[in-house]
Amino acid sequence: MRERQLRYPEYYDSADRIMDLNFYTNFKQRYDIISEEATRVGGKSFKQLFNEFVWNGDMIDYVKGIRPYPGGIDWISAKRILIVMNMNNSQFVTLEILLHKGRMNAYDCNLTCMKHDAFLTFIQPVFDLLSILLRQSGIMKHLSDKLIMNHGNLKVD
């Protein structure tokens, strides 16, 4: 999708940012580490871990449009972020994040095959970690403080 957006800009909205599969994978891996720590006996709470969480420089650069391959576009003028998720290596879902509205739409032709709570478990990393990434990147100051200051503010439709 992202390659087509770059190759055929006349057919895509330039305010859209299309992420690759690695984007969600990074969220999932980091969220799994936080979950493991939070469920450890004597470990910190989720809230403490989210408050202390710091994204690595690669993910901050990703938001700023700095990538190790051509086509990096910063998110400053982005209206929508499109994230493709591979769920259990058998199903692909696209999340449309409407940054200015603080809303998220999920597109999946097989959503009826998955229980609602199982689906929400898959998108939980995006709910909890995206606002932290936006805040730490420092380039999304034009968005509502409510959206970027508190994790988990996105709503799914």
N, C-alpha and C. Protein backbone atom coordinates (compact mmCIF):
# COMPACT_ATOMS: atom_id res chain seq x y z
N MET A 1 0.82 -1.19 0.00
CA MET A 1 0.00 0.00 0.00
C MET A 1 0.86 1.25 0.00
N ARG A 2 1.87 1.29 0.88
CA ARG A 2 2.70 2.49 0.99
C ARG A 2 3.46 2.74 -0.31
N GLU A 3 3.97 1.68 -0.94
CA GLU A 3 4.69 1.84 -2.20
C GLU A 3 3.78 2.43 -3.28
N ARG A 4 2.54 1.95 -3.33
CA ARG A 4 1.59 2.49 -4.31
C ARG A 4 1.30 3.96 -4.03
N GLN A 5 1.21 4.34 -2.76
CA GLN A 5 0.96 5.73 -2.42
C GLN A 5 2.09 6.62 -2.93
N LEU A 6 3.33 6.15 -2.81
CA LEU A 6 4.47 6.93 -3.26
C LEU A 6 4.58 6.95 -4.78
N ARG A 7 4.28 5.83 -5.40
CA ARG A 7 4.40 5.72 -6.85
C ARG A 7 3.27 6.43 -7.59
N TYR A 8 2.07 6.44 -7.03
CA TYR A 8 0.91 7.04 -7.69
C TYR A 8 0.24 8.08 -6.78
N PRO A 9 0.93 9.18 -6.51
CA PRO A 9 0.41 10.16 -5.56
C PRO A 9 -0.92 10.79 -5.97
N GLU A 10 -1.22 10.77 -7.26
CA GLU A 10 -2.48 11.38 -7.71
C GLU A 10 -3.71 10.57 -7.27
N TYR A 11 -3.52 9.32 -6.86
CA TYR A 11 -4.63 8.47 -6.44
C TYR A 11 -4.76 8.34 -4.92
N TYR A 12 -3.85 8.92 -4.18
CA TYR A 12 -3.87 8.79 -2.72
C TYR A 12 -3.85 10.17 -2.08
N ASP A 13 -4.46 10.29 -0.95
CA ASP A 13 -4.45 11.54 -0.20
C ASP A 13 -3.06 11.73 0.40
N SER A 14 -2.46 12.86 0.12
CA SER A 14 -1.09 13.11 0.60
C SER A 14 -1.04 13.27 2.13
N ALA A 15 -2.20 13.46 2.75
CA ALA A 15 -2.24 13.59 4.21
C ALA A 15 -2.33 12.23 4.91
N ASP A 16 -2.39 11.15 4.14
CA ASP A 16 -2.41 9.82 4.72
C ASP A 16 -0.99 9.32 4.95
N ARG A 17 -0.79 8.59 6.02
CA ARG A 17 0.49 7.92 6.27
C ARG A 17 0.20 6.43 6.37
N ILE A 18 0.84 5.67 5.53
CA ILE A 18 0.60 4.23 5.49
C ILE A 18 1.82 3.53 6.08
N MET A 19 1.59 2.78 7.15
CA MET A 19 2.67 2.09 7.84
C MET A 19 2.86 0.69 7.26
N ASP A 20 4.04 0.15 7.44
CA ASP A 20 4.29 -1.22 7.01
C ASP A 20 3.98 -2.19 8.15
N LEU A 21 4.10 -3.49 7.87
CA LEU A 21 3.79 -4.50 8.88
C LEU A 21 4.72 -4.40 10.10
N ASN A 22 5.94 -3.93 9.90
CA ASN A 22 6.88 -3.81 11.02
C ASN A 22 6.42 -2.80 12.06
N PHE A 23 5.63 -1.82 11.64
CA PHE A 23 5.18 -0.79 12.58
C PHE A 23 4.35 -1.42 13.70
N TYR A 24 3.34 -2.20 13.34
CA TYR A 24 2.52 -2.86 14.36
C TYR A 24 3.35 -3.87 15.15
N THR A 25 4.24 -4.59 14.48
CA THR A 25 5.08 -5.58 15.15
C THR A 25 5.90 -4.93 16.25
N ASN A 26 6.44 -3.73 16.00
CA ASN A 26 7.18 -2.99 17.03
C ASN A 26 6.30 -2.67 18.23
N PHE A 27 5.08 -2.23 17.96
CA PHE A 27 4.13 -1.96 19.05
C PHE A 27 3.87 -3.22 19.86
N LYS A 28 3.59 -4.31 19.16
CA LYS A 28 3.24 -5.57 19.81
C LYS A 28 4.39 -6.08 20.68
N GLN A 29 5.60 -6.05 20.16
CA GLN A 29 6.76 -6.54 20.92
C GLN A 29 6.97 -5.71 22.19
N ARG A 30 6.88 -4.42 22.08
CA ARG A 30 7.09 -3.57 23.26
C ARG A 30 5.95 -3.74 24.27
N TYR A 31 4.74 -3.89 23.78
CA TYR A 31 3.61 -4.10 24.67
C TYR A 31 3.73 -5.43 25.39
N ASP A 32 4.20 -6.46 24.71
CA ASP A 32 4.39 -7.77 25.35
C ASP A 32 5.41 -7.69 26.49
N ILE A 33 6.45 -6.91 26.30
CA ILE A 33 7.47 -6.73 27.35
C ILE A 33 6.85 -6.04 28.56
N ILE A 34 6.05 -4.99 28.31
CA ILE A 34 5.38 -4.28 29.40
C ILE A 34 4.41 -5.21 30.13
N SER A 35 3.66 -6.00 29.37
CA SER A 35 2.68 -6.93 29.97
C SER A 35 3.37 -7.96 30.85
N GLU A 36 4.49 -8.45 30.37
CA GLU A 36 5.24 -9.45 31.15
C GLU A 36 5.72 -8.86 32.48
N GLU A 37 6.22 -7.64 32.42
CA GLU A 37 6.70 -6.97 33.63
C GLU A 37 5.54 -6.69 34.59
N ALA A 38 4.40 -6.27 34.05
CA ALA A 38 3.25 -5.91 34.89
C ALA A 38 2.63 -7.12 35.57
N THR A 39 2.78 -8.29 34.98
CA THR A 39 2.18 -9.48 35.58
C THR A 39 3.14 -10.24 36.49
N ARG A 40 4.37 -9.77 36.58
CA ARG A 40 5.35 -10.37 37.47
C ARG A 40 5.00 -10.05 38.92
N VAL A 41 5.15 -11.01 39.79
CA VAL A 41 4.90 -10.78 41.21
C VAL A 41 5.89 -9.71 41.70
N GLY A 42 5.36 -8.68 42.32
CA GLY A 42 6.21 -7.59 42.82
C GLY A 42 6.60 -6.61 41.73
N GLY A 43 6.11 -6.82 40.50
CA GLY A 43 6.43 -5.92 39.38
C GLY A 43 5.64 -4.62 39.47
N LYS A 44 5.99 -3.70 38.62
CA LYS A 44 5.30 -2.41 38.57
C LYS A 44 3.94 -2.59 37.90
N SER A 45 3.06 -1.63 38.13
CA SER A 45 1.73 -1.66 37.52
C SER A 45 1.82 -1.20 36.07
N PHE A 46 0.77 -1.49 35.31
CA PHE A 46 0.72 -1.01 33.93
C PHE A 46 0.88 0.50 33.89
N LYS A 47 0.17 1.19 34.76
CA LYS A 47 0.23 2.65 34.76
C LYS A 47 1.66 3.15 34.98
N GLN A 48 2.36 2.57 35.96
CA GLN A 48 3.74 2.97 36.21
C GLN A 48 4.61 2.70 34.98
N LEU A 49 4.44 1.53 34.39
CA LEU A 49 5.26 1.16 33.24
C LEU A 49 4.99 2.07 32.04
N PHE A 50 3.73 2.43 31.80
CA PHE A 50 3.42 3.34 30.70
C PHE A 50 3.98 4.72 30.96
N ASN A 51 3.91 5.18 32.23
CA ASN A 51 4.46 6.49 32.56
C ASN A 51 5.97 6.56 32.38
N GLU A 52 6.65 5.44 32.57
CA GLU A 52 8.11 5.39 32.45
C GLU A 52 8.58 4.98 31.05
N PHE A 53 7.66 4.54 30.21
CA PHE A 53 8.03 3.99 28.91
C PHE A 53 8.64 5.05 28.00
N VAL A 54 9.75 4.69 27.34
CA VAL A 54 10.41 5.58 26.39
C VAL A 54 10.62 4.80 25.09
N TRP A 55 10.10 5.38 23.99
CA TRP A 55 10.30 4.75 22.69
C TRP A 55 11.76 4.91 22.28
N ASN A 56 12.26 3.95 21.52
CA ASN A 56 13.63 4.06 21.05
C ASN A 56 13.72 5.06 19.90
N GLY A 57 14.92 5.46 19.59
CA GLY A 57 15.15 6.48 18.55
C GLY A 57 14.62 6.09 17.18
N ASP A 58 14.64 4.80 16.86
CA ASP A 58 14.17 4.36 15.55
C ASP A 58 12.69 4.68 15.36
N MET A 59 11.87 4.43 16.39
CA MET A 59 10.44 4.71 16.27
C MET A 59 10.17 6.22 16.25
N ILE A 60 10.92 6.98 17.01
CA ILE A 60 10.78 8.44 16.98
C ILE A 60 11.14 8.95 15.58
N ASP A 61 12.24 8.43 15.01
CA ASP A 61 12.62 8.81 13.65
C ASP A 61 11.55 8.44 12.64
N TYR A 62 10.90 7.31 12.85
CA TYR A 62 9.83 6.85 11.95
C TYR A 62 8.73 7.90 11.86
N VAL A 63 8.32 8.44 13.01
CA VAL A 63 7.29 9.47 13.05
C VAL A 63 7.78 10.75 12.38
N LYS A 64 9.07 11.02 12.49
CA LYS A 64 9.64 12.22 11.89
C LYS A 64 9.94 12.06 10.41
N GLY A 65 9.68 10.87 9.85
CA GLY A 65 9.88 10.64 8.43
C GLY A 65 11.28 10.18 8.08
N ILE A 66 12.08 9.86 9.09
CA ILE A 66 13.45 9.39 8.85
C ILE A 66 13.43 7.87 8.89
N ARG A 67 13.70 7.25 7.75
CA ARG A 67 13.67 5.79 7.66
C ARG A 67 14.90 5.30 6.92
N PRO A 68 15.26 4.04 7.16
CA PRO A 68 16.44 3.51 6.49
C PRO A 68 16.20 3.17 5.01
N TYR A 69 15.01 3.47 4.49
CA TYR A 69 14.68 3.20 3.10
C TYR A 69 13.94 4.41 2.55
N PRO A 70 13.87 4.55 1.23
CA PRO A 70 13.23 5.73 0.63
C PRO A 70 11.74 5.84 0.97
N GLY A 71 11.23 7.04 0.90
CA GLY A 71 9.80 7.24 1.07
C GLY A 71 9.35 7.68 2.44
N GLY A 72 10.28 8.04 3.31
CA GLY A 72 9.88 8.49 4.64
C GLY A 72 9.18 9.83 4.57
N ILE A 73 8.03 9.93 5.21
CA ILE A 73 7.25 11.16 5.26
C ILE A 73 6.91 11.41 6.72
N ASP A 74 7.18 12.64 7.20
CA ASP A 74 6.86 12.90 8.61
C ASP A 74 5.35 12.95 8.79
N TRP A 75 4.94 12.92 10.04
CA TRP A 75 3.51 12.85 10.36
C TRP A 75 2.90 14.22 10.67
N ILE A 76 3.66 15.29 10.51
CA ILE A 76 3.18 16.61 10.93
C ILE A 76 1.85 16.96 10.28
N SER A 77 1.72 16.75 8.98
CA SER A 77 0.48 17.12 8.29
C SER A 77 -0.48 15.94 8.13
N ALA A 78 -0.18 14.84 8.79
CA ALA A 78 -1.02 13.64 8.64
C ALA A 78 -2.41 13.84 9.23
N LYS A 79 -3.39 13.34 8.50
CA LYS A 79 -4.76 13.33 9.00
C LYS A 79 -5.16 11.91 9.38
N ARG A 80 -4.64 10.95 8.63
CA ARG A 80 -4.95 9.55 8.89
C ARG A 80 -3.66 8.74 8.89
N ILE A 81 -3.60 7.79 9.80
CA ILE A 81 -2.52 6.81 9.83
C ILE A 81 -3.18 5.47 9.53
N LEU A 82 -2.67 4.76 8.54
CA LEU A 82 -3.20 3.45 8.18
C LEU A 82 -2.17 2.41 8.59
N ILE A 83 -2.58 1.51 9.46
CA ILE A 83 -1.68 0.48 9.99
C ILE A 83 -2.24 -0.88 9.60
N VAL A 84 -1.40 -1.68 8.96
CA VAL A 84 -1.78 -3.04 8.62
C VAL A 84 -1.27 -3.95 9.72
N MET A 85 -2.17 -4.80 10.24
CA MET A 85 -1.82 -5.73 11.31
C MET A 85 -1.97 -7.16 10.81
N ASN A 86 -1.00 -7.99 11.13
CA ASN A 86 -1.08 -9.42 10.83
C ASN A 86 -1.47 -10.11 12.12
N MET A 87 -2.66 -10.65 12.14
CA MET A 87 -3.19 -11.26 13.36
C MET A 87 -3.04 -12.77 13.27
N ASN A 88 -2.21 -13.32 14.10
CA ASN A 88 -1.98 -14.77 14.17
C ASN A 88 -1.52 -15.37 12.85
N ASN A 89 -0.82 -14.60 12.04
CA ASN A 89 -0.30 -15.06 10.75
C ASN A 89 -1.37 -15.62 9.83
N SER A 90 -2.62 -15.27 10.05
CA SER A 90 -3.67 -15.82 9.21
C SER A 90 -4.69 -14.78 8.76
N GLN A 91 -4.64 -13.59 9.33
CA GLN A 91 -5.66 -12.59 9.04
C GLN A 91 -5.02 -11.21 9.08
N PHE A 92 -5.33 -10.39 8.08
CA PHE A 92 -4.82 -9.03 8.04
C PHE A 92 -5.97 -8.05 8.30
N VAL A 93 -5.67 -7.05 9.11
CA VAL A 93 -6.64 -6.03 9.46
C VAL A 93 -5.97 -4.68 9.24
N THR A 94 -6.73 -3.72 8.75
CA THR A 94 -6.22 -2.36 8.60
C THR A 94 -6.88 -1.48 9.64
N LEU A 95 -6.06 -0.76 10.40
CA LEU A 95 -6.57 0.24 11.34
C LEU A 95 -6.40 1.60 10.70
N GLU A 96 -7.46 2.36 10.71
CA GLU A 96 -7.42 3.74 10.24
C GLU A 96 -7.50 4.62 11.48
N ILE A 97 -6.44 5.35 11.75
CA ILE A 97 -6.41 6.22 12.92
C ILE A 97 -6.62 7.66 12.45
N LEU A 98 -7.70 8.25 12.89
CA LEU A 98 -8.04 9.63 12.53
C LEU A 98 -7.49 10.52 13.64
N LEU A 99 -6.29 11.03 13.42
CA LEU A 99 -5.57 11.73 14.49
C LEU A 99 -6.32 12.92 15.06
N HIS A 100 -6.92 13.74 14.21
CA HIS A 100 -7.57 14.96 14.69
C HIS A 100 -8.86 14.68 15.45
N LYS A 101 -9.42 13.50 15.25
CA LYS A 101 -10.66 13.15 15.93
C LYS A 101 -10.42 12.22 17.12
N GLY A 102 -9.21 11.63 17.20
CA GLY A 102 -8.93 10.69 18.28
C GLY A 102 -9.76 9.43 18.14
N ARG A 103 -10.00 9.03 16.90
CA ARG A 103 -10.83 7.85 16.62
C ARG A 103 -10.06 6.86 15.77
N MET A 104 -10.53 5.62 15.82
CA MET A 104 -9.90 4.55 15.07
C MET A 104 -11.00 3.69 14.43
N ASN A 105 -10.82 3.39 13.15
CA ASN A 105 -11.73 2.47 12.45
C ASN A 105 -10.95 1.21 12.09
N ALA A 106 -11.59 0.09 12.20
CA ALA A 106 -10.97 -1.19 11.85
C ALA A 106 -11.66 -1.74 10.61
N TYR A 107 -10.84 -2.19 9.65
CA TYR A 107 -11.36 -2.76 8.42
C TYR A 107 -10.86 -4.19 8.31
N ASP A 108 -11.83 -5.10 8.28
CA ASP A 108 -11.49 -6.52 8.23
C ASP A 108 -12.67 -7.28 7.66
N CYS A 109 -12.45 -7.97 6.56
CA CYS A 109 -13.56 -8.71 5.96
C CYS A 109 -13.89 -9.97 6.75
N ASN A 110 -13.01 -10.41 7.64
CA ASN A 110 -13.25 -11.61 8.43
C ASN A 110 -13.53 -11.33 9.90
N LEU A 111 -13.90 -10.11 10.22
CA LEU A 111 -14.10 -9.73 11.61
C LEU A 111 -15.18 -10.57 12.28
N THR A 112 -16.13 -11.06 11.51
CA THR A 112 -17.18 -11.89 12.10
C THR A 112 -16.65 -13.23 12.58
N CYS A 113 -15.45 -13.61 12.11
CA CYS A 113 -14.84 -14.88 12.52
C CYS A 113 -14.10 -14.77 13.84
N MET A 114 -13.93 -13.56 14.35
CA MET A 114 -13.16 -13.35 15.58
C MET A 114 -14.05 -12.71 16.63
N LYS A 115 -13.93 -13.16 17.83
CA LYS A 115 -14.68 -12.57 18.93
C LYS A 115 -14.21 -11.14 19.16
N HIS A 116 -15.15 -10.30 19.57
CA HIS A 116 -14.86 -8.88 19.77
C HIS A 116 -13.72 -8.65 20.78
N ASP A 117 -13.74 -9.38 21.90
CA ASP A 117 -12.70 -9.18 22.91
C ASP A 117 -11.33 -9.64 22.41
N ALA A 118 -11.29 -10.67 21.57
CA ALA A 118 -10.01 -11.12 21.00
C ALA A 118 -9.46 -10.05 20.06
N PHE A 119 -10.33 -9.42 19.28
CA PHE A 119 -9.90 -8.36 18.38
C PHE A 119 -9.35 -7.18 19.18
N LEU A 120 -10.05 -6.79 20.24
CA LEU A 120 -9.59 -5.67 21.06
C LEU A 120 -8.23 -5.96 21.70
N THR A 121 -7.97 -7.23 22.01
CA THR A 121 -6.67 -7.61 22.56
C THR A 121 -5.56 -7.34 21.54
N PHE A 122 -5.84 -7.60 20.27
CA PHE A 122 -4.84 -7.35 19.23
C PHE A 122 -4.54 -5.87 19.04
N ILE A 123 -5.54 -5.01 19.19
CA ILE A 123 -5.28 -3.59 18.97
C ILE A 123 -4.91 -2.83 20.24
N GLN A 124 -4.90 -3.50 21.38
CA GLN A 124 -4.55 -2.85 22.65
C GLN A 124 -3.17 -2.17 22.61
N PRO A 125 -2.15 -2.79 22.00
CA PRO A 125 -0.85 -2.10 21.95
C PRO A 125 -0.94 -0.73 21.28
N VAL A 126 -1.75 -0.60 20.23
CA VAL A 126 -1.90 0.68 19.55
C VAL A 126 -2.62 1.67 20.46
N PHE A 127 -3.69 1.23 21.13
CA PHE A 127 -4.40 2.09 22.08
C PHE A 127 -3.45 2.68 23.11
N ASP A 128 -2.63 1.83 23.70
CA ASP A 128 -1.83 2.25 24.84
C ASP A 128 -0.51 2.94 24.47
N LEU A 129 0.06 2.62 23.34
CA LEU A 129 1.40 3.12 23.05
C LEU A 129 1.46 4.23 22.00
N LEU A 130 0.43 4.40 21.18
CA LEU A 130 0.49 5.42 20.13
C LEU A 130 0.58 6.83 20.71
N SER A 131 -0.23 7.14 21.70
CA SER A 131 -0.19 8.49 22.26
C SER A 131 1.17 8.79 22.89
N ILE A 132 1.81 7.77 23.46
CA ILE A 132 3.15 7.97 24.03
C ILE A 132 4.14 8.29 22.91
N LEU A 133 4.03 7.57 21.79
CA LEU A 133 4.90 7.82 20.64
C LEU A 133 4.68 9.22 20.08
N LEU A 134 3.43 9.65 19.96
CA LEU A 134 3.14 10.99 19.44
C LEU A 134 3.71 12.06 20.36
N ARG A 135 3.54 11.89 21.66
CA ARG A 135 4.06 12.88 22.62
C ARG A 135 5.59 12.94 22.58
N GLN A 136 6.23 11.77 22.58
CA GLN A 136 7.68 11.74 22.64
C GLN A 136 8.34 12.19 21.33
N SER A 137 7.63 12.10 20.21
CA SER A 137 8.21 12.55 18.94
C SER A 137 8.33 14.07 18.90
N GLY A 138 7.45 14.76 19.65
CA GLY A 138 7.52 16.21 19.73
C GLY A 138 7.03 16.95 18.50
N ILE A 139 6.57 16.25 17.47
CA ILE A 139 6.16 16.95 16.25
C ILE A 139 4.65 17.03 16.10
N MET A 140 3.92 16.51 17.05
CA MET A 140 2.46 16.46 16.93
C MET A 140 1.79 17.47 17.86
N LYS A 141 2.40 18.59 18.06
CA LYS A 141 1.88 19.59 19.00
C LYS A 141 0.56 20.20 18.55
N HIS A 142 0.22 20.08 17.27
CA HIS A 142 -1.03 20.64 16.76
C HIS A 142 -2.24 19.79 17.12
N LEU A 143 -2.00 18.58 17.64
CA LEU A 143 -3.11 17.72 18.05
C LEU A 143 -3.58 18.09 19.44
N SER A 144 -4.75 17.66 19.76
CA SER A 144 -5.33 17.92 21.08
C SER A 144 -4.42 17.37 22.18
N ASP A 145 -4.19 18.16 23.21
CA ASP A 145 -3.41 17.69 24.36
C ASP A 145 -4.04 16.45 24.97
N LYS A 146 -5.36 16.40 24.96
CA LYS A 146 -6.05 15.25 25.53
C LYS A 146 -5.64 13.96 24.82
N LEU A 147 -5.47 14.02 23.50
CA LEU A 147 -5.10 12.84 22.73
C LEU A 147 -3.66 12.42 23.00
N ILE A 148 -2.74 13.37 23.00
CA ILE A 148 -1.34 12.97 23.08
C ILE A 148 -0.77 12.90 24.50
N MET A 149 -1.48 13.42 25.47
CA MET A 149 -0.94 13.39 26.83
C MET A 149 -1.35 12.15 27.62
N ASN A 150 -2.45 11.54 27.26
CA ASN A 150 -2.94 10.39 28.01
C ASN A 150 -3.00 9.17 27.12
N HIS A 151 -2.36 8.11 27.54
CA HIS A 151 -2.41 6.90 26.72
C HIS A 151 -3.80 6.29 26.76
N GLY A 152 -4.13 5.58 25.70
CA GLY A 152 -5.40 4.87 25.65
C GLY A 152 -6.60 5.74 25.34
N ASN A 153 -6.41 6.94 24.80
CA ASN A 153 -7.54 7.82 24.52
C ASN A 153 -8.24 7.54 23.20
N LEU A 154 -7.65 6.74 22.33
CA LEU A 154 -8.29 6.48 21.05
C LEU A 154 -9.55 5.67 21.25
N LYS A 155 -10.54 5.93 20.43
CA LYS A 155 -11.79 5.19 20.48
C LYS A 155 -11.91 4.39 19.19
N VAL A 156 -12.39 3.17 19.28
CA VAL A 156 -12.53 2.33 18.09
C VAL A 156 -13.99 2.29 17.66
N ASP A 157 -14.19 2.38 16.33
CA ASP A 157 -15.53 2.29 15.75
C ASP A 157 -15.66 0.96 15.03
